[in-house]
Amino acid sequence: MCQNELRPKSFVSNFWGAVQKLKNAYFFSVHLNLQKILLNLHLVDVIKDMKIRIKNMVCRHCVAKVAEITSGIPELNLLGVELGAVTVEGSPADDVIDRFDNELRKEGFEVIHSREETIVSEIKSKLIELSRNSEGSRADTASILEDFLHMSYRNLSRIFASVEGRTIENYFTALRIERIKELLLDGQMPLGEIAFITGFSSVPHLSTRFKQATGMTPTQFKEMGIRKPLAEI
């Protein structure tokens, strides 16, 4: 067979090889563009909502007040509010956050910026929640906080003490003492039931810890009726 008879086959082979390369390049380009589109969609989803942590936001009255402040700033589209935080749409500019912070400070709140303060705020919110129900007051708070924040209790304790200057245990005890005060002033429960609800093993145990914390017996306190706001605990 002569050399000229091979050229058509070689040409066809080269032609289809070139077509295959173009085909592969096209599908690679489509795949790459699809990846970019999906990535962009994912990023939009990630930045769509922004959670702003807020200090001293510890009760339902605080929730209502912070919601009112947030709604008063047109650039902040409020999506949700909870103890210790608000969720807004998008990613507000720094000057908007600063203005929000200034308005919060007028009412005793403030925006939390550091990671450590955020962790402390979340610890406080969870402990306030636990202190408000009988099961929570008697629960294993260390395990609950570890599961809630996905950190070891040792690290949580270190961070809390560095920011607050006291231990998690002391803070939780202070919350339980304030809960006792609330129930004493309400006057609907005997002291034994109050001890059970607030996680103390007995009335003497409650009375001892209460006097250590307040300088008064439960009976003396009931006559005087002085309480602290949760934000000041």
Protein backbone atom coordinates (compact mmCIF):
# COMPACT_ATOMS: atom_id res chain seq x y z
CA MET A 1 0.00 0.00 0.00
CA CYS A 2 1.42 3.44 -0.94
CA GLN A 3 1.82 6.42 1.39
CA ASN A 4 -0.95 8.41 -0.37
CA GLU A 5 -3.54 5.78 0.58
CA LEU A 6 -2.81 6.34 4.30
CA ARG A 7 -3.42 10.10 4.27
CA PRO A 8 -7.27 10.02 4.25
CA LYS A 9 -7.33 7.73 7.28
CA SER A 10 -4.74 9.85 9.07
CA PHE A 11 -6.72 13.01 8.28
CA VAL A 12 -9.96 11.50 9.57
CA SER A 13 -8.22 10.28 12.71
CA ASN A 14 -6.71 13.67 13.38
CA PHE A 15 -10.01 15.39 12.66
CA TRP A 16 -11.96 13.26 15.13
CA GLY A 17 -9.17 13.64 17.66
CA ALA A 18 -9.48 17.41 17.40
CA VAL A 19 -13.28 17.17 17.73
CA GLN A 20 -12.91 15.03 20.85
CA LYS A 21 -10.52 17.55 22.40
CA LEU A 22 -12.95 20.39 21.69
CA LYS A 23 -15.77 18.32 23.15
CA ASN A 24 -13.80 17.59 26.30
CA ALA A 25 -12.78 21.24 26.64
CA TYR A 26 -16.40 22.35 26.22
CA PHE A 27 -17.73 19.99 28.87
CA PHE A 28 -14.90 20.94 31.22
CA SER A 29 -15.78 24.61 30.75
CA VAL A 30 -19.48 23.91 31.40
CA HIS A 31 -18.60 21.89 34.49
CA LEU A 32 -16.31 24.66 35.78
CA ASN A 33 -18.95 27.33 35.19
CA LEU A 34 -21.54 25.17 36.93
CA GLN A 35 -19.24 24.83 39.93
CA LYS A 36 -18.82 28.61 40.04
CA ILE A 37 -22.58 29.15 39.88
CA LEU A 38 -23.19 26.67 42.70
CA LEU A 39 -20.42 28.26 44.77
CA ASN A 40 -21.89 31.72 44.27
CA LEU A 41 -25.33 30.48 45.23
CA HIS A 42 -23.85 28.91 48.35
CA LEU A 43 -22.06 32.14 49.28
CA VAL A 44 -25.24 34.14 48.84
CA ASP A 45 -27.00 31.71 51.13
CA VAL A 46 -24.26 31.97 53.74
CA ILE A 47 -24.21 35.76 53.92
CA LYS A 48 -27.97 36.19 53.54
CA ASP A 49 -28.60 36.22 57.30
CA MET A 50 -26.32 37.75 59.95
CA LYS A 51 -26.61 37.04 63.67
CA ILE A 52 -25.54 39.94 65.90
CA ARG A 53 -24.72 38.98 69.49
CA ILE A 54 -25.86 41.46 72.15
CA LYS A 55 -24.66 41.86 75.72
CA ASN A 56 -27.04 42.15 78.73
CA MET A 57 -30.00 40.78 76.80
CA VAL A 58 -31.33 38.38 79.41
CA CYS A 59 -35.14 38.38 79.60
CA ARG A 60 -38.30 38.67 77.50
CA HIS A 61 -38.49 42.40 78.22
CA CYS A 62 -34.95 42.74 76.84
CA VAL A 63 -36.01 40.80 73.73
CA ALA A 64 -38.90 43.19 73.14
CA LYS A 65 -36.75 46.29 73.67
CA VAL A 66 -33.93 45.12 71.39
CA ALA A 67 -36.47 44.22 68.70
CA GLU A 68 -37.86 47.75 68.97
CA ILE A 69 -34.37 49.29 68.68
CA THR A 70 -33.48 47.10 65.70
CA SER A 71 -36.71 47.92 63.90
CA GLY A 72 -35.95 51.62 64.39
CA ILE A 73 -32.89 51.40 62.12
CA PRO A 74 -34.09 51.21 58.48
CA GLU A 75 -30.88 49.56 57.23
CA LEU A 76 -31.41 46.59 59.55
CA ASN A 77 -34.04 44.18 58.26
CA LEU A 78 -34.92 42.23 61.39
CA LEU A 79 -35.54 38.52 60.75
CA GLY A 80 -35.57 37.19 64.30
CA VAL A 81 -34.76 37.98 67.90
CA GLU A 82 -33.81 35.71 70.78
CA LEU A 83 -32.06 35.93 74.13
CA GLY A 84 -28.61 37.36 73.44
CA ALA A 85 -28.91 37.97 69.70
CA VAL A 86 -30.81 39.38 66.73
CA THR A 87 -30.75 38.01 63.19
CA VAL A 88 -30.83 40.52 60.32
CA GLU A 89 -30.87 40.10 56.57
CA GLY A 90 -27.68 40.64 54.60
CA SER A 91 -24.39 41.97 55.93
CA PRO A 92 -24.90 45.49 57.34
CA ALA A 93 -22.13 48.05 56.87
CA ASP A 94 -19.83 48.84 59.79
CA ASP A 95 -21.30 52.31 60.27
CA VAL A 96 -24.79 50.79 60.56
CA ILE A 97 -23.56 48.34 63.22
CA ASP A 98 -21.89 51.23 65.07
CA ARG A 99 -25.14 53.22 65.01
CA PHE A 100 -27.01 50.13 66.22
CA ASP A 101 -24.48 49.72 69.04
CA ASN A 102 -24.91 53.36 70.09
CA GLU A 103 -28.69 52.97 70.26
CA LEU A 104 -28.34 49.74 72.26
CA ARG A 105 -25.99 51.35 74.77
CA LYS A 106 -28.61 53.99 75.57
CA GLU A 107 -30.76 51.14 76.94
CA GLY A 108 -27.99 49.21 78.71
CA PHE A 109 -27.17 46.76 75.89
CA GLU A 110 -24.21 46.60 73.49
CA VAL A 111 -23.02 44.69 70.43
CA ILE A 112 -20.55 41.91 71.20
CA HIS A 113 -17.53 41.87 68.91
CA SER A 114 -14.96 39.41 70.32
CA ARG A 115 -15.21 35.63 70.11
CA GLU A 116 -14.69 35.28 73.86
CA GLU A 117 -17.50 37.68 74.70
CA THR A 118 -19.76 35.85 72.27
CA ILE A 119 -19.06 32.55 74.03
CA VAL A 120 -19.73 34.11 77.45
CA SER A 121 -22.99 35.59 76.17
CA GLU A 122 -24.11 32.17 74.90
CA ILE A 123 -23.16 30.54 78.20
CA LYS A 124 -25.20 33.12 80.10
CA SER A 125 -28.22 32.75 77.82
CA LYS A 126 -28.20 28.97 78.23
CA LEU A 127 -27.78 29.16 82.02
CA ILE A 128 -30.59 31.71 82.32
CA GLU A 129 -32.80 29.31 80.38
CA LEU A 130 -31.82 26.42 82.66
CA SER A 131 -32.35 28.42 85.84
CA ARG A 132 -35.93 29.18 84.87
CA ASN A 133 -37.14 25.56 85.03
CA SER A 134 -36.89 22.85 87.66
CA GLU A 135 -35.23 20.25 85.43
CA GLY A 136 -32.62 22.72 84.23
CA SER A 137 -31.70 23.80 87.75
CA ARG A 138 -30.88 20.19 88.66
CA ALA A 139 -29.26 19.25 85.35
CA ASP A 140 -25.61 18.56 84.58
CA THR A 141 -24.78 22.06 83.36
CA ALA A 142 -21.24 21.11 82.31
CA SER A 143 -22.46 18.47 79.85
CA ILE A 144 -25.25 20.71 78.59
CA LEU A 145 -22.83 23.57 77.88
CA GLU A 146 -20.36 21.24 76.18
CA ASP A 147 -23.09 19.91 73.87
CA PHE A 148 -24.50 23.39 73.27
CA LEU A 149 -21.21 25.10 72.39
CA HIS A 150 -19.18 22.08 71.17
CA MET A 151 -16.25 22.91 73.45
CA SER A 152 -14.79 21.27 76.51
CA TYR A 153 -16.09 22.54 79.84
CA ARG A 154 -12.52 23.29 80.84
CA ASN A 155 -12.11 25.73 77.95
CA LEU A 156 -15.54 27.23 78.53
CA SER A 157 -14.70 27.79 82.21
CA ARG A 158 -11.39 29.41 81.32
CA ILE A 159 -12.98 31.79 78.81
CA PHE A 160 -15.85 32.65 81.14
CA ALA A 161 -13.53 33.38 84.08
CA SER A 162 -11.19 35.52 81.94
CA VAL A 163 -14.08 37.71 80.74
CA GLU A 164 -16.28 37.74 83.85
CA GLY A 165 -13.75 37.40 86.67
CA ARG A 166 -15.82 34.60 88.27
CA THR A 167 -16.67 30.97 87.61
CA ILE A 168 -19.58 29.53 85.67
CA GLU A 169 -20.70 27.78 88.86
CA ASN A 170 -20.82 31.06 90.80
CA TYR A 171 -22.84 32.71 88.06
CA PHE A 172 -25.32 29.85 87.87
CA THR A 173 -25.73 29.88 91.66
CA ALA A 174 -26.44 33.63 91.50
CA LEU A 175 -29.13 32.96 88.89
CA ARG A 176 -30.72 30.32 91.09
CA ILE A 177 -30.67 32.69 94.07
CA GLU A 178 -32.52 35.31 92.03
CA ARG A 179 -35.03 32.66 91.01
CA ILE A 180 -35.58 31.86 94.71
CA LYS A 181 -36.17 35.55 95.38
CA GLU A 182 -38.75 35.68 92.61
CA LEU A 183 -40.61 32.64 93.95
CA LEU A 184 -40.47 33.92 97.54
CA LEU A 185 -42.01 37.24 96.55
CA ASP A 186 -44.62 35.45 94.47
CA GLY A 187 -45.72 33.69 97.67
CA GLN A 188 -47.38 30.74 95.91
CA MET A 189 -45.01 27.94 96.98
CA PRO A 190 -43.70 26.57 100.27
CA LEU A 191 -39.95 26.72 100.78
CA GLY A 192 -39.56 22.95 100.29
CA GLU A 193 -41.04 23.16 96.80
CA ILE A 194 -38.90 26.19 95.99
CA ALA A 195 -35.80 24.23 97.04
CA PHE A 196 -36.76 21.38 94.69
CA ILE A 197 -37.52 23.67 91.75
CA THR A 198 -34.26 25.60 92.09
CA GLY A 199 -32.09 22.51 92.41
CA PHE A 200 -31.21 22.50 96.12
CA SER A 201 -31.27 19.19 97.98
CA SER A 202 -33.20 20.47 101.00
CA VAL A 203 -34.59 23.54 102.74
CA PRO A 204 -31.53 23.82 105.04
CA HIS A 205 -29.24 23.61 101.99
CA LEU A 206 -31.22 26.35 100.24
CA SER A 207 -31.32 28.54 103.37
CA THR A 208 -27.56 28.23 103.91
CA ARG A 209 -26.66 29.15 100.33
CA PHE A 210 -29.25 31.91 100.26
CA LYS A 211 -27.86 33.54 103.39
CA GLN A 212 -24.30 33.23 102.09
CA ALA A 213 -25.33 35.05 98.93
CA THR A 214 -27.64 37.70 100.38
CA GLY A 215 -26.81 38.01 104.08
CA MET A 216 -30.45 37.22 104.88
CA THR A 217 -32.59 34.19 105.49
CA PRO A 218 -35.37 33.47 102.98
CA THR A 219 -37.91 34.72 105.55
CA GLN A 220 -36.03 37.97 106.10
CA PHE A 221 -35.77 38.54 102.37
CA LYS A 222 -39.48 37.91 101.89
CA GLU A 223 -40.18 40.74 104.34
CA MET A 224 -37.80 43.16 102.55
CA GLY A 225 -38.43 42.17 98.93
CA ILE A 226 -35.25 43.30 97.15
CA ARG A 227 -34.23 41.78 93.81
CA LYS A 228 -31.56 42.38 91.18
CA PRO A 229 -32.24 42.66 87.43
CA LEU A 230 -30.78 39.62 85.64
CA ALA A 231 -28.44 41.84 83.65
CA GLU A 232 -26.76 42.92 86.90
CA ILE A 233 -26.12 39.40 88.21
